[in-house]
Amino acid sequence: MHKPLATIILLVLSNTFMTLAWYGHLKFSEWKNFQKLGLFAIVLISWGIAFFEYCFQVPANKYGFKANGGAFSLVELKVLQEVITLGVFLIFTFLVFKNETFRWNHLLGFFFLILAVYFVFKK
């Protein structure tokens, strides 16, 4: 597999776990047994989920970074990661939090972030 594609796939997987760790507990709180847990337990569960984020994020950065033979500069990696984060977040929100709505200003803001990727990658 090509390093750029592998990097992107690893970033998507990483951000899926990150989004679940950061926001999943908000939905899990609807579960009967989860409601009894204190904040410390929820933090530990989120850290456990976030462990898998790091298992994908670190290799994505290592393989993707130009100095290691990858295709992306450090700035390109970061901007790519942020846009992937937004994409994963949008999908997660639509699938898990069906009562959330996105207004035109949210979508316009996301558009400008994607536009930022264009300018960062422009040679």
PDB file of N, CA and C in Angstrom:
ATOM      1  N   MET A   1       0.855  -1.175   0.000  1.00  0.00           N
ATOM      2  CA  MET A   1       0.000   0.000   0.000  1.00  0.00           C
ATOM      3  C   MET A   1       0.905   1.243   0.000  1.00  0.00           C
ATOM      4  N   HIS A   2       0.489   2.253  -0.707  1.00  0.00           N
ATOM      5  CA  HIS A   2       1.257   3.488  -0.774  1.00  0.00           C
ATOM      6  C   HIS A   2       1.224   4.198   0.574  1.00  0.00           C
ATOM      7  N   LYS A   3       2.340   4.817   0.941  1.00  0.00           N
ATOM      8  CA  LYS A   3       2.425   5.499   2.233  1.00  0.00           C
ATOM      9  C   LYS A   3       1.386   6.604   2.413  1.00  0.00           C
ATOM     10  N   PRO A   4       1.113   7.425   1.381  1.00  0.00           N
ATOM     11  CA  PRO A   4       0.078   8.451   1.599  1.00  0.00           C
ATOM     12  C   PRO A   4      -1.286   7.847   1.930  1.00  0.00           C
ATOM     13  N   LEU A   5      -1.672   6.805   1.213  1.00  0.00           N
ATOM     14  CA  LEU A   5      -2.964   6.164   1.471  1.00  0.00           C
ATOM     15  C   LEU A   5      -2.966   5.487   2.840  1.00  0.00           C
ATOM     16  N   ALA A   6      -1.872   4.805   3.177  1.00  0.00           N
ATOM     17  CA  ALA A   6      -1.768   4.157   4.490  1.00  0.00           C
ATOM     18  C   ALA A   6      -1.863   5.202   5.592  1.00  0.00           C
ATOM     19  N   THR A   7      -1.213   6.338   5.394  1.00  0.00           N
ATOM     20  CA  THR A   7      -1.261   7.419   6.375  1.00  0.00           C
ATOM     21  C   THR A   7      -2.690   7.906   6.572  1.00  0.00           C
ATOM     22  N   ILE A   8      -3.401   8.114   5.496  1.00  0.00           N
ATOM     23  CA  ILE A   8      -4.785   8.607   5.574  1.00  0.00           C
ATOM     24  C   ILE A   8      -5.683   7.583   6.250  1.00  0.00           C
ATOM     25  N   ILE A   9      -5.534   6.316   5.910  1.00  0.00           N
ATOM     26  CA  ILE A   9      -6.349   5.263   6.532  1.00  0.00           C
ATOM     27  C   ILE A   9      -6.067   5.203   8.035  1.00  0.00           C
ATOM     28  N   LEU A  10      -4.784   5.262   8.411  1.00  0.00           N
ATOM     29  CA  LEU A  10      -4.439   5.248   9.833  1.00  0.00           C
ATOM     30  C   LEU A  10      -4.998   6.468  10.555  1.00  0.00           C
ATOM     31  N   LEU A  11      -4.966   7.621   9.893  1.00  0.00           N
ATOM     32  CA  LEU A  11      -5.533   8.830  10.503  1.00  0.00           C
ATOM     33  C   LEU A  11      -7.049   8.714  10.683  1.00  0.00           C
ATOM     34  N   VAL A  12      -7.726   8.124   9.721  1.00  0.00           N
ATOM     35  CA  VAL A  12      -9.182   7.924   9.852  1.00  0.00           C
ATOM     36  C   VAL A  12      -9.478   6.987  11.027  1.00  0.00           C
ATOM     37  N   LEU A  13      -8.736   5.893  11.120  1.00  0.00           N
ATOM     38  CA  LEU A  13      -8.938   4.961  12.236  1.00  0.00           C
ATOM     39  C   LEU A  13      -8.634   5.648  13.571  1.00  0.00           C
ATOM     40  N   SER A  14      -7.527   6.372  13.617  1.00  0.00           N
ATOM     41  CA  SER A  14      -7.149   7.086  14.826  1.00  0.00           C
ATOM     42  C   SER A  14      -8.241   8.048  15.261  1.00  0.00           C
ATOM     43  N   ASN A  15      -8.738   8.826  14.320  1.00  0.00           N
ATOM     44  CA  ASN A  15      -9.746   9.832  14.644  1.00  0.00           C
ATOM     45  C   ASN A  15     -11.093   9.215  14.995  1.00  0.00           C
ATOM     46  N   THR A  16     -11.366   8.030  14.491  1.00  0.00           N
ATOM     47  CA  THR A  16     -12.588   7.326  14.879  1.00  0.00           C
ATOM     48  C   THR A  16     -12.536   6.989  16.364  1.00  0.00           C
ATOM     49  N   PHE A  17     -11.399   6.450  16.804  1.00  0.00           N
ATOM     50  CA  PHE A  17     -11.257   6.138  18.227  1.00  0.00           C
ATOM     51  C   PHE A  17     -11.217   7.408  19.074  1.00  0.00           C
ATOM     52  N   MET A  18     -10.560   8.455  18.575  1.00  0.00           N
ATOM     53  CA  MET A  18     -10.489   9.708  19.312  1.00  0.00           C
ATOM     54  C   MET A  18     -11.883  10.288  19.517  1.00  0.00           C
ATOM     55  N   THR A  19     -12.675  10.303  18.457  1.00  0.00           N
ATOM     56  CA  THR A  19     -14.026  10.853  18.549  1.00  0.00           C
ATOM     57  C   THR A  19     -14.872  10.033  19.515  1.00  0.00           C
ATOM     58  N   LEU A  20     -14.725   8.718  19.453  1.00  0.00           N
ATOM     59  CA  LEU A  20     -15.458   7.853  20.377  1.00  0.00           C
ATOM     60  C   LEU A  20     -15.028   8.115  21.820  1.00  0.00           C
ATOM     61  N   ALA A  21     -13.731   8.291  22.035  1.00  0.00           N
ATOM     62  CA  ALA A  21     -13.236   8.550  23.394  1.00  0.00           C
ATOM     63  C   ALA A  21     -13.698   9.907  23.909  1.00  0.00           C
ATOM     64  N   TRP A  22     -13.675  10.917  23.058  1.00  0.00           N
ATOM     65  CA  TRP A  22     -14.017  12.270  23.494  1.00  0.00           C
ATOM     66  C   TRP A  22     -15.515  12.500  23.635  1.00  0.00           C
ATOM     67  N   TYR A  23     -16.301  11.908  22.729  1.00  0.00           N
ATOM     68  CA  TYR A  23     -17.732  12.212  22.690  1.00  0.00           C
ATOM     69  C   TYR A  23     -18.641  11.013  22.934  1.00  0.00           C
ATOM     70  N   GLY A  24     -18.112   9.804  22.838  1.00  0.00           N
ATOM     71  CA  GLY A  24     -18.927   8.606  22.998  1.00  0.00           C
ATOM     72  C   GLY A  24     -19.606   8.522  24.347  1.00  0.00           C
ATOM     73  N   HIS A  25     -18.889   8.935  25.392  1.00  0.00           N
ATOM     74  CA  HIS A  25     -19.473   8.843  26.733  1.00  0.00           C
ATOM     75  C   HIS A  25     -20.737   9.683  26.871  1.00  0.00           C
ATOM     76  N   LEU A  26     -20.887  10.702  26.033  1.00  0.00           N
ATOM     77  CA  LEU A  26     -22.111  11.510  26.078  1.00  0.00           C
ATOM     78  C   LEU A  26     -23.323  10.688  25.649  1.00  0.00           C
ATOM     79  N   LYS A  27     -23.105   9.763  24.731  1.00  0.00           N
ATOM     80  CA  LYS A  27     -24.185   8.882  24.280  1.00  0.00           C
ATOM     81  C   LYS A  27     -24.304   7.660  25.197  1.00  0.00           C
ATOM     82  N   PHE A  28     -23.139   7.173  25.670  1.00  0.00           N
ATOM     83  CA  PHE A  28     -23.163   6.001  26.555  1.00  0.00           C
ATOM     84  C   PHE A  28     -23.919   6.294  27.846  1.00  0.00           C
ATOM     85  N   SER A  29     -24.005   7.559  28.207  1.00  0.00           N
ATOM     86  CA  SER A  29     -24.695   7.913  29.456  1.00  0.00           C
ATOM     87  C   SER A  29     -26.174   7.548  29.415  1.00  0.00           C
ATOM     88  N   GLU A  30     -26.681   7.240  28.242  1.00  0.00           N
ATOM     89  CA  GLU A  30     -28.077   6.799  28.122  1.00  0.00           C
ATOM     90  C   GLU A  30     -28.241   5.341  28.565  1.00  0.00           C
ATOM     91  N   TRP A  31     -27.135   4.606  28.667  1.00  0.00           N
ATOM     92  CA  TRP A  31     -27.191   3.209  29.086  1.00  0.00           C
ATOM     93  C   TRP A  31     -27.358   3.138  30.603  1.00  0.00           C
ATOM     94  N   LYS A  32     -28.187   2.220  31.049  1.00  0.00           N
ATOM     95  CA  LYS A  32     -28.546   2.123  32.463  1.00  0.00           C
ATOM     96  C   LYS A  32     -27.310   1.979  33.356  1.00  0.00           C
ATOM     97  N   ASN A  33     -26.453   1.024  33.099  1.00  0.00           N
ATOM     98  CA  ASN A  33     -25.289   0.796  33.961  1.00  0.00           C
ATOM     99  C   ASN A  33     -24.247   1.901  33.847  1.00  0.00           C
ATOM    100  N   PHE A  34     -24.186   2.546  32.725  1.00  0.00           N
ATOM    101  CA  PHE A  34     -23.208   3.615  32.519  1.00  0.00           C
ATOM    102  C   PHE A  34     -23.555   4.842  33.358  1.00  0.00           C
ATOM    103  N   GLN A  35     -24.842   5.049  33.606  1.00  0.00           N
ATOM    104  CA  GLN A  35     -25.291   6.217  34.369  1.00  0.00           C
ATOM    105  C   GLN A  35     -24.786   6.181  35.806  1.00  0.00           C
ATOM    106  N   LYS A  36     -24.490   4.996  36.317  1.00  0.00           N
ATOM    107  CA  LYS A  36     -24.047   4.851  37.704  1.00  0.00           C
ATOM    108  C   LYS A  36     -22.571   5.187  37.878  1.00  0.00           C
ATOM    109  N   LEU A  37     -21.834   5.278  36.781  1.00  0.00           N
ATOM    110  CA  LEU A  37     -20.394   5.513  36.865  1.00  0.00           C
ATOM    111  C   LEU A  37     -20.092   6.961  37.208  1.00  0.00           C
ATOM    112  N   GLY A  38     -19.045   7.143  37.969  1.00  0.00           N
ATOM    113  CA  GLY A  38     -18.589   8.491  38.288  1.00  0.00           C
ATOM    114  C   GLY A  38     -17.686   9.020  37.177  1.00  0.00           C
ATOM    115  N   LEU A  39     -17.341  10.281  37.300  1.00  0.00           N
ATOM    116  CA  LEU A  39     -16.504  10.935  36.289  1.00  0.00           C
ATOM    117  C   LEU A  39     -15.156  10.232  36.134  1.00  0.00           C
ATOM    118  N   PHE A  40     -14.553   9.823  37.243  1.00  0.00           N
ATOM    119  CA  PHE A  40     -13.246   9.162  37.175  1.00  0.00           C
ATOM    120  C   PHE A  40     -13.321   7.882  36.335  1.00  0.00           C
ATOM    121  N   ALA A  41     -14.358   7.088  36.529  1.00  0.00           N
ATOM    122  CA  ALA A  41     -14.531   5.855  35.758  1.00  0.00           C
ATOM    123  C   ALA A  41     -14.724   6.165  34.271  1.00  0.00           C
ATOM    124  N   ILE A  42     -15.469   7.211  33.981  1.00  0.00           N
ATOM    125  CA  ILE A  42     -15.697   7.599  32.583  1.00  0.00           C
ATOM    126  C   ILE A  42     -14.394   8.065  31.943  1.00  0.00           C
ATOM    127  N   VAL A  43     -13.591   8.803  32.703  1.00  0.00           N
ATOM    128  CA  VAL A  43     -12.281   9.228  32.201  1.00  0.00           C
ATOM    129  C   VAL A  43     -11.413   8.006  31.901  1.00  0.00           C
ATOM    130  N   LEU A  44     -11.410   7.033  32.793  1.00  0.00           N
ATOM    131  CA  LEU A  44     -10.611   5.815  32.566  1.00  0.00           C
ATOM    132  C   LEU A  44     -11.087   5.059  31.325  1.00  0.00           C
ATOM    133  N   ILE A  45     -12.373   4.966  31.150  1.00  0.00           N
ATOM    134  CA  ILE A  45     -12.913   4.305  29.953  1.00  0.00           C
ATOM    135  C   ILE A  45     -12.493   5.068  28.702  1.00  0.00           C
ATOM    136  N   SER A  46     -12.594   6.387  28.746  1.00  0.00           N
ATOM    137  CA  SER A  46     -12.179   7.203  27.595  1.00  0.00           C
ATOM    138  C   SER A  46     -10.692   7.036  27.315  1.00  0.00           C
ATOM    139  N   TRP A  47      -9.874   6.992  28.354  1.00  0.00           N
ATOM    140  CA  TRP A  47      -8.437   6.765  28.155  1.00  0.00           C
ATOM    141  C   TRP A  47      -8.181   5.404  27.523  1.00  0.00           C
ATOM    142  N   GLY A  48      -8.964   4.410  27.940  1.00  0.00           N
ATOM    143  CA  GLY A  48      -8.821   3.074  27.347  1.00  0.00           C
ATOM    144  C   GLY A  48      -9.133   3.085  25.857  1.00  0.00           C
ATOM    145  N   ILE A  49     -10.158   3.828  25.486  1.00  0.00           N
ATOM    146  CA  ILE A  49     -10.503   3.951  24.063  1.00  0.00           C
ATOM    147  C   ILE A  49      -9.435   4.760  23.337  1.00  0.00           C
ATOM    148  N   ALA A  50      -8.949   5.822  23.995  1.00  0.00           N
ATOM    149  CA  ALA A  50      -7.942   6.686  23.379  1.00  0.00           C
ATOM    150  C   ALA A  50      -6.622   5.955  23.153  1.00  0.00           C
ATOM    151  N   PHE A  51      -6.359   4.908  23.913  1.00  0.00           N
ATOM    152  CA  PHE A  51      -5.149   4.114  23.679  1.00  0.00           C
ATOM    153  C   PHE A  51      -5.093   3.643  22.230  1.00  0.00           C
ATOM    154  N   PHE A  52      -6.240   3.215  21.708  1.00  0.00           N
ATOM    155  CA  PHE A  52      -6.282   2.732  20.330  1.00  0.00           C
ATOM    156  C   PHE A  52      -6.088   3.873  19.333  1.00  0.00           C
ATOM    157  N   GLU A  53      -6.515   5.071  19.732  1.00  0.00           N
ATOM    158  CA  GLU A  53      -6.247   6.231  18.883  1.00  0.00           C
ATOM    159  C   GLU A  53      -4.743   6.380  18.684  1.00  0.00           C
ATOM    160  N   TYR A  54      -3.999   6.289  19.767  1.00  0.00           N
ATOM    161  CA  TYR A  54      -2.540   6.428  19.679  1.00  0.00           C
ATOM    162  C   TYR A  54      -1.909   5.285  18.886  1.00  0.00           C
ATOM    163  N   CYS A  55      -2.498   4.108  18.980  1.00  0.00           N
ATOM    164  CA  CYS A  55      -1.966   2.959  18.224  1.00  0.00           C
ATOM    165  C   CYS A  55      -2.033   3.194  16.717  1.00  0.00           C
ATOM    166  N   PHE A  56      -2.926   4.047  16.269  1.00  0.00           N
ATOM    167  CA  PHE A  56      -3.031   4.392  14.849  1.00  0.00           C
ATOM    168  C   PHE A  56      -2.392   5.746  14.531  1.00  0.00           C
ATOM    169  N   GLN A  57      -2.504   6.706  15.446  1.00  0.00           N
ATOM    170  CA  GLN A  57      -1.993   8.058  15.199  1.00  0.00           C
ATOM    171  C   GLN A  57      -0.473   8.087  15.080  1.00  0.00           C
ATOM    172  N   VAL A  58       0.219   7.416  16.005  1.00  0.00           N
ATOM    173  CA  VAL A  58       1.682   7.437  15.988  1.00  0.00           C
ATOM    174  C   VAL A  58       2.231   6.817  14.707  1.00  0.00           C
ATOM    175  N   PRO A  59       1.768   5.640  14.286  1.00  0.00           N
ATOM    176  CA  PRO A  59       2.261   5.109  13.005  1.00  0.00           C
ATOM    177  C   PRO A  59       1.882   5.984  11.809  1.00  0.00           C
ATOM    178  N   ALA A  60       0.701   6.596  11.853  1.00  0.00           N
ATOM    179  CA  ALA A  60       0.301   7.480  10.748  1.00  0.00           C
ATOM    180  C   ALA A  60       1.304   8.610  10.599  1.00  0.00           C
ATOM    181  N   ASN A  61       1.673   9.224  11.705  1.00  0.00           N
ATOM    182  CA  ASN A  61       2.635  10.319  11.652  1.00  0.00           C
ATOM    183  C   ASN A  61       4.029   9.824  11.270  1.00  0.00           C
ATOM    184  N   LYS A  62       4.403   8.689  11.793  1.00  0.00           N
ATOM    185  CA  LYS A  62       5.732   8.144  11.484  1.00  0.00           C
ATOM    186  C   LYS A  62       5.849   7.798  10.006  1.00  0.00           C
ATOM    187  N   TYR A  63       4.861   7.098   9.454  1.00  0.00           N
ATOM    188  CA  TYR A  63       4.895   6.707   8.044  1.00  0.00           C
ATOM    189  C   TYR A  63       4.640   7.878   7.108  1.00  0.00           C
ATOM    190  N   GLY A  64       3.846   8.824   7.557  1.00  0.00           N
ATOM    191  CA  GLY A  64       3.461   9.917   6.685  1.00  0.00           C
ATOM    192  C   GLY A  64       4.457  11.055   6.607  1.00  0.00           C
ATOM    193  N   PHE A  65       5.344  11.180   7.588  1.00  0.00           N
ATOM    194  CA  PHE A  65       6.264  12.304   7.688  1.00  0.00           C
ATOM    195  C   PHE A  65       7.391  12.190   6.661  1.00  0.00           C
ATOM    196  N   LYS A  66       7.624  13.270   5.918  1.00  0.00           N
ATOM    197  CA  LYS A  66       8.645  13.288   4.858  1.00  0.00           C
ATOM    198  C   LYS A  66      10.026  12.859   5.348  1.00  0.00           C
ATOM    199  N   ALA A  67      10.408  13.291   6.533  1.00  0.00           N
ATOM    200  CA  ALA A  67      11.735  12.955   7.061  1.00  0.00           C
ATOM    201  C   ALA A  67      11.901  11.450   7.285  1.00  0.00           C
ATOM    202  N   ASN A  68      10.790  10.735   7.364  1.00  0.00           N
ATOM    203  CA  ASN A  68      10.825   9.274   7.516  1.00  0.00           C
ATOM    204  C   ASN A  68      10.503   8.567   6.208  1.00  0.00           C
ATOM    205  N   GLY A  69      10.556   9.292   5.100  1.00  0.00           N
ATOM    206  CA  GLY A  69      10.252   8.692   3.803  1.00  0.00           C
ATOM    207  C   GLY A  69       8.792   8.790   3.407  1.00  0.00           C
ATOM    208  N   GLY A  70       8.008   9.514   4.177  1.00  0.00           N
ATOM    209  CA  GLY A  70       6.590   9.663   3.872  1.00  0.00           C
ATOM    210  C   GLY A  70       6.346  10.764   2.860  1.00  0.00           C
ATOM    211  N   ALA A  71       5.093  11.073   2.669  1.00  0.00           N
ATOM    212  CA  ALA A  71       4.698  12.012   1.621  1.00  0.00           C
ATOM    213  C   ALA A  71       4.377  13.410   2.134  1.00  0.00           C
ATOM    214  N   PHE A  72       4.296  13.600   3.466  1.00  0.00           N
ATOM    215  CA  PHE A  72       3.757  14.840   3.994  1.00  0.00           C
ATOM    216  C   PHE A  72       4.740  15.569   4.903  1.00  0.00           C
ATOM    217  N   SER A  73       4.711  16.903   4.813  1.00  0.00           N
ATOM    218  CA  SER A  73       5.450  17.717   5.772  1.00  0.00           C
ATOM    219  C   SER A  73       4.694  17.679   7.100  1.00  0.00           C
ATOM    220  N   LEU A  74       5.323  18.192   8.139  1.00  0.00           N
ATOM    221  CA  LEU A  74       4.675  18.218   9.444  1.00  0.00           C
ATOM    222  C   LEU A  74       3.396  19.053   9.407  1.00  0.00           C
ATOM    223  N   VAL A  75       3.450  20.203   8.746  1.00  0.00           N
ATOM    224  CA  VAL A  75       2.269  21.062   8.637  1.00  0.00           C
ATOM    225  C   VAL A  75       1.176  20.359   7.840  1.00  0.00           C
ATOM    226  N   GLU A  76       1.540  19.715   6.748  1.00  0.00           N
ATOM    227  CA  GLU A  76       0.544  18.987   5.943  1.00  0.00           C
ATOM    228  C   GLU A  76      -0.099  17.871   6.753  1.00  0.00           C
ATOM    229  N   LEU A  77       0.699  17.142   7.528  1.00  0.00           N
ATOM    230  CA  LEU A  77       0.149  16.075   8.369  1.00  0.00           C
ATOM    231  C   LEU A  77      -0.878  16.629   9.355  1.00  0.00           C
ATOM    232  N   LYS A  78      -0.547  17.749   9.979  1.00  0.00           N
ATOM    233  CA  LYS A  78      -1.446  18.317  10.985  1.00  0.00           C
ATOM    234  C   LYS A  78      -2.749  18.807  10.366  1.00  0.00           C
ATOM    235  N   VAL A  79      -2.660  19.505   9.256  1.00  0.00           N
ATOM    236  CA  VAL A  79      -3.874  20.017   8.613  1.00  0.00           C
ATOM    237  C   VAL A  79      -4.725  18.864   8.093  1.00  0.00           C
ATOM    238  N   LEU A  80      -4.086  17.854   7.514  1.00  0.00           N
ATOM    239  CA  LEU A  80      -4.800  16.665   7.043  1.00  0.00           C
ATOM    240  C   LEU A  80      -5.513  15.988   8.210  1.00  0.00           C
ATOM    241  N   GLN A  81      -4.826  15.866   9.320  1.00  0.00           N
ATOM    242  CA  GLN A  81      -5.411  15.239  10.499  1.00  0.00           C
ATOM    243  C   GLN A  81      -6.627  16.022  10.983  1.00  0.00           C
ATOM    244  N   GLU A  82      -6.547  17.337  10.979  1.00  0.00           N
ATOM    245  CA  GLU A  82      -7.666  18.154  11.455  1.00  0.00           C
ATOM    246  C   GLU A  82      -8.894  18.012  10.562  1.00  0.00           C
ATOM    247  N   VAL A  83      -8.688  17.975   9.269  1.00  0.00           N
ATOM    248  CA  VAL A  83      -9.823  17.834   8.353  1.00  0.00           C
ATOM    249  C   VAL A  83     -10.429  16.431   8.465  1.00  0.00           C
ATOM    250  N   ILE A  84      -9.583  15.427   8.626  1.00  0.00           N
ATOM    251  CA  ILE A  84     -10.099  14.068   8.841  1.00  0.00           C
ATOM    252  C   ILE A  84     -10.884  14.027  10.148  1.00  0.00           C
ATOM    253  N   THR A  85     -10.393  14.708  11.165  1.00  0.00           N
ATOM    254  CA  THR A  85     -11.115  14.783  12.443  1.00  0.00           C
ATOM    255  C   THR A  85     -12.514  15.343  12.239  1.00  0.00           C
ATOM    256  N   LEU A  86     -12.621  16.412  11.475  1.00  0.00           N
ATOM    257  CA  LEU A  86     -13.938  16.998  11.217  1.00  0.00           C
ATOM    258  C   LEU A  86     -14.838  16.047  10.444  1.00  0.00           C
ATOM    259  N   GLY A  87     -14.282  15.386   9.448  1.00  0.00           N
ATOM    260  CA  GLY A  87     -15.077  14.433   8.669  1.00  0.00           C
ATOM    261  C   GLY A  87     -15.588  13.293   9.536  1.00  0.00           C
ATOM    262  N   VAL A  88     -14.718  12.724  10.355  1.00  0.00           N
ATOM    263  CA  VAL A  88     -15.123  11.641  11.253  1.00  0.00           C
ATOM    264  C   VAL A  88     -16.154  12.154  12.256  1.00  0.00           C
ATOM    265  N   PHE A  89     -15.921  13.360  12.772  1.00  0.00           N
ATOM    266  CA  PHE A  89     -16.863  13.952  13.729  1.00  0.00           C
ATOM    267  C   PHE A  89     -18.245  14.132  13.096  1.00  0.00           C
ATOM    268  N   LEU A  90     -18.288  14.637  11.866  1.00  0.00           N
ATOM    269  CA  LEU A  90     -19.581  14.819  11.193  1.00  0.00           C
ATOM    270  C   LEU A  90     -20.313  13.491  11.036  1.00  0.00           C
ATOM    271  N   ILE A  91     -19.615  12.480  10.562  1.00  0.00           N
ATOM    272  CA  ILE A  91     -20.234  11.161  10.379  1.00  0.00           C
ATOM    273  C   ILE A  91     -20.709  10.613  11.718  1.00  0.00           C
ATOM    274  N   PHE A  92     -19.851  10.696  12.735  1.00  0.00           N
ATOM    275  CA  PHE A  92     -20.202  10.230  14.079  1.00  0.00           C
ATOM    276  C   PHE A  92     -21.452  10.940  14.596  1.00  0.00           C
ATOM    277  N   THR A  93     -21.485  12.245  14.416  1.00  0.00           N
ATOM    278  CA  THR A  93     -22.622  13.032  14.901  1.00  0.00           C
ATOM    279  C   THR A  93     -23.908  12.634  14.197  1.00  0.00           C
ATOM    280  N   PHE A  94     -23.842  12.467  12.873  1.00  0.00           N
ATOM    281  CA  PHE A  94     -25.043  12.082  12.126  1.00  0.00           C
ATOM    282  C   PHE A  94     -25.521  10.684  12.500  1.00  0.00           C
ATOM    283  N   LEU A  95     -24.594   9.765  12.770  1.00  0.00           N
ATOM    284  CA  LEU A  95     -24.976   8.392  13.076  1.00  0.00           C
ATOM    285  C   LEU A  95     -25.383   8.187  14.537  1.00  0.00           C
ATOM    286  N   VAL A  96     -24.699   8.847  15.451  1.00  0.00           N
ATOM    287  CA  VAL A  96     -24.895   8.589  16.873  1.00  0.00           C
ATOM    288  C   VAL A  96     -25.800   9.624  17.540  1.00  0.00           C
ATOM    289  N   PHE A  97     -25.599  10.882  17.231  1.00  0.00           N
ATOM    290  CA  PHE A  97     -26.392  11.957  17.832  1.00  0.00           C
ATOM    291  C   PHE A  97     -27.337  12.506  16.775  1.00  0.00           C
ATOM    292  N   LYS A  98     -28.379  11.788  16.537  1.00  0.00           N
ATOM    293  CA  LYS A  98     -29.306  12.135  15.454  1.00  0.00           C
ATOM    294  C   LYS A  98     -30.085  13.419  15.725  1.00  0.00           C
ATOM    295  N   ASN A  99     -30.084  13.890  16.965  1.00  0.00           N
ATOM    296  CA  ASN A  99     -30.819  15.115  17.274  1.00  0.00           C
ATOM    297  C   ASN A  99     -29.990  16.376  17.026  1.00  0.00           C
ATOM    298  N   GLU A 100     -28.709  16.220  16.719  1.00  0.00           N
ATOM    299  CA  GLU A 100     -27.855  17.375  16.422  1.00  0.00           C
ATOM    300  C   GLU A 100     -28.120  17.856  15.001  1.00  0.00           C
ATOM    301  N   THR A 101     -28.073  19.148  14.825  1.00  0.00           N
ATOM    302  CA  THR A 101     -28.246  19.711  13.487  1.00  0.00           C
ATOM    303  C   THR A 101     -27.062  20.605  13.163  1.00  0.00           C
ATOM    304  N   PHE A 102     -26.755  20.670  11.907  1.00  0.00           N
ATOM    305  CA  PHE A 102     -25.704  21.557  11.436  1.00  0.00           C
ATOM    306  C   PHE A 102     -26.358  22.690  10.666  1.00  0.00           C
ATOM    307  N   ARG A 103     -25.985  23.897  11.034  1.00  0.00           N
ATOM    308  CA  ARG A 103     -26.512  25.065  10.353  1.00  0.00           C
ATOM    309  C   ARG A 103     -25.546  25.486   9.259  1.00  0.00           C
ATOM    310  N   TRP A 104     -25.971  26.448   8.461  1.00  0.00           N
ATOM    311  CA  TRP A 104     -25.165  26.877   7.318  1.00  0.00           C
ATOM    312  C   TRP A 104     -23.806  27.413   7.769  1.00  0.00           C
ATOM    313  N   ASN A 105     -23.749  28.084   8.917  1.00  0.00           N
ATOM    314  CA  ASN A 105     -22.480  28.636   9.368  1.00  0.00           C
ATOM    315  C   ASN A 105     -21.495  27.545   9.794  1.00  0.00           C
ATOM    316  N   HIS A 106     -21.999  26.429  10.323  1.00  0.00           N
ATOM    317  CA  HIS A 106     -21.130  25.293  10.639  1.00  0.00           C
ATOM    318  C   HIS A 106     -20.521  24.741   9.356  1.00  0.00           C
ATOM    319  N   LEU A 107     -21.386  24.525   8.368  1.00  0.00           N
ATOM    320  CA  LEU A 107     -20.907  23.962   7.101  1.00  0.00           C
ATOM    321  C   LEU A 107     -19.949  24.913   6.398  1.00  0.00           C
ATOM    322  N   LEU A 108     -20.213  26.211   6.477  1.00  0.00           N
ATOM    323  CA  LEU A 108     -19.314  27.192   5.884  1.00  0.00           C
ATOM    324  C   LEU A 108     -17.950  27.167   6.583  1.00  0.00           C
ATOM    325  N   GLY A 109     -17.960  27.051   7.901  1.00  0.00           N
ATOM    326  CA  GLY A 109     -16.713  26.946   8.657  1.00  0.00           C
ATOM    327  C   GLY A 109     -15.927  25.712   8.263  1.00  0.00           C
ATOM    328  N   PHE A 110     -16.608  24.580   8.113  1.00  0.00           N
ATOM    329  CA  PHE A 110     -15.938  23.353   7.678  1.00  0.00           C
ATOM    330  C   PHE A 110     -15.376  23.522   6.266  1.00  0.00           C
ATOM    331  N   PHE A 111     -16.133  24.202   5.412  1.00  0.00           N
ATOM    332  CA  PHE A 111     -15.657  24.450   4.049  1.00  0.00           C
ATOM    333  C   PHE A 111     -14.343  25.230   4.077  1.00  0.00           C
ATOM    334  N   PHE A 112     -14.276  26.243   4.929  1.00  0.00           N
ATOM    335  CA  PHE A 112     -13.052  27.040   5.009  1.00  0.00           C
ATOM    336  C   PHE A 112     -11.883  26.218   5.558  1.00  0.00           C
ATOM    337  N   LEU A 113     -12.167  25.295   6.451  1.00  0.00           N
ATOM    338  CA  LEU A 113     -11.096  24.413   6.928  1.00  0.00           C
ATOM    339  C   LEU A 113     -10.580  23.512   5.809  1.00  0.00           C
ATOM    340  N   ILE A 114     -11.487  23.029   4.984  1.00  0.00           N
ATOM    341  CA  ILE A 114     -11.072  22.218   3.841  1.00  0.00           C
ATOM    342  C   ILE A 114     -10.296  23.081   2.854  1.00  0.00           C
ATOM    343  N   LEU A 115     -10.723  24.305   2.701  1.00  0.00           N
ATOM    344  CA  LEU A 115      -9.994  25.248   1.854  1.00  0.00           C
ATOM    345  C   LEU A 115      -8.576  25.473   2.396  1.00  0.00           C
ATOM    346  N   ALA A 116      -8.436  25.451   3.711  1.00  0.00           N
ATOM    347  CA  ALA A 116      -7.111  25.580   4.324  1.00  0.00           C
ATOM    348  C   ALA A 116      -6.202  24.435   3.881  1.00  0.00           C
ATOM    349  N   VAL A 117      -6.766  23.240   3.754  1.00  0.00           N
ATOM    350  CA  VAL A 117      -5.973  22.101   3.280  1.00  0.00           C
ATOM    351  C   VAL A 117      -5.450  22.385   1.876  1.00  0.00           C
ATOM    352  N   TYR A 118      -6.303  22.930   1.043  1.00  0.00           N
ATOM    353  CA  TYR A 118      -5.883  23.274  -0.322  1.00  0.00           C
ATOM    354  C   TYR A 118      -4.665  24.194  -0.289  1.00  0.00           C
ATOM    355  N   PHE A 119      -4.739  25.234   0.516  1.00  0.00           N
ATOM    356  CA  PHE A 119      -3.651  26.209   0.547  1.00  0.00           C
ATOM    357  C   PHE A 119      -2.387  25.643   1.197  1.00  0.00           C
ATOM    358  N   VAL A 120      -2.539  24.788   2.205  1.00  0.00           N
ATOM    359  CA  VAL A 120      -1.368  24.187   2.831  1.00  0.00           C
ATOM    360  C   VAL A 120      -0.648  23.248   1.857  1.00  0.00           C
ATOM    361  N   PHE A 121      -1.419  22.520   1.050  1.00  0.00           N
ATOM    362  CA  PHE A 121      -0.816  21.576   0.116  1.00  0.00           C
ATOM    363  C   PHE A 121      -0.399  22.218  -1.214  1.00  0.00           C
ATOM    364  N   LYS A 122      -0.804  23.463  -1.421  1.00  0.00           N
ATOM    365  CA  LYS A 122      -0.464  24.154  -2.678  1.00  0.00           C
ATOM    366  C   LYS A 122       1.037  24.394  -2.721  1.00  0.00           C
ATOM    367  N   LYS A 123       1.648  23.992  -3.791  1.00  0.00           N
ATOM    368  CA  LYS A 123       3.109  24.141  -3.954  1.00  0.00           C
ATOM    369  C   LYS A 123       3.434  25.434  -4.632  1.00  0.00           C
TER     370      LYS A 123
END
